[in-house]
Amino acid sequence: MSAVHEAILKCLTDNVAARSEWNEPPALYLVILRGGEPALEELPIAEKEWRKAPAPRILEQLASGAAVGKLLGTRPPMPTGLHGAAFYSESWTVPMQDVEWETVKADAYARRVSRRPDRVEVRFMTAVDRGGTQYAVMAPRGTHTEAHIMYPTTNPEGTFATGSIVESLDILVQALLDVPMPERPVEPE
């Protein structure tokens, strides 16, 4: 793990840990490197925009808009040191002790986790950098924060994130930085 990767993960973890309230709106950030130190710059997206649809769907629309802007040549200038993008939201998770993973996965795809009796509210932040490295920070209510780095080709933990949030961040980073993103492994259904 490089010092830059570690610093980005710490920046994301600190952001999540600094939150003291629940029911905060989602947020989309640019990950900026200044002198090798990461910082998060929140994009000015009105809270009412996040209420129009589930947050991952709004993120998909924002990423698609950035990709179209790139194609049309209407992309605004990007800040010096732009290195990636991050997405914060609150959601539900299920403690993985004594649960059937396939059932939880099916509930997640069907958007039923919020109705499970064993659900736990969670703060999470996901980020993707210009090299395709993924960062994930999860802070379930009442438990410890977990933070992971997932490399695009080899991940020592043997896990990777998939789904619309990572795909949207990949599209956004590719559009904003004009860099190719790695092909993500597809989780078998």
Foldseek 3Di string as FASTA:
>chain_A
DDPLVVQVLVQQQVVQVPDDDPPDAKWKWFWFADPSHTDTDTDPDDSVLCVPDPNLVSLLVVLVVLQVCLVVVNHDADDPRGWFMKMKDKDKDAPPPPDDPVVRVVCVVVVNLVVDPRIFIKIKMWMATLAGKIKIWIDTPPDDIDIAIAHQPDGPVPDDDDDSNSVSRQSNSCSNVVGHHDDHDDDDD
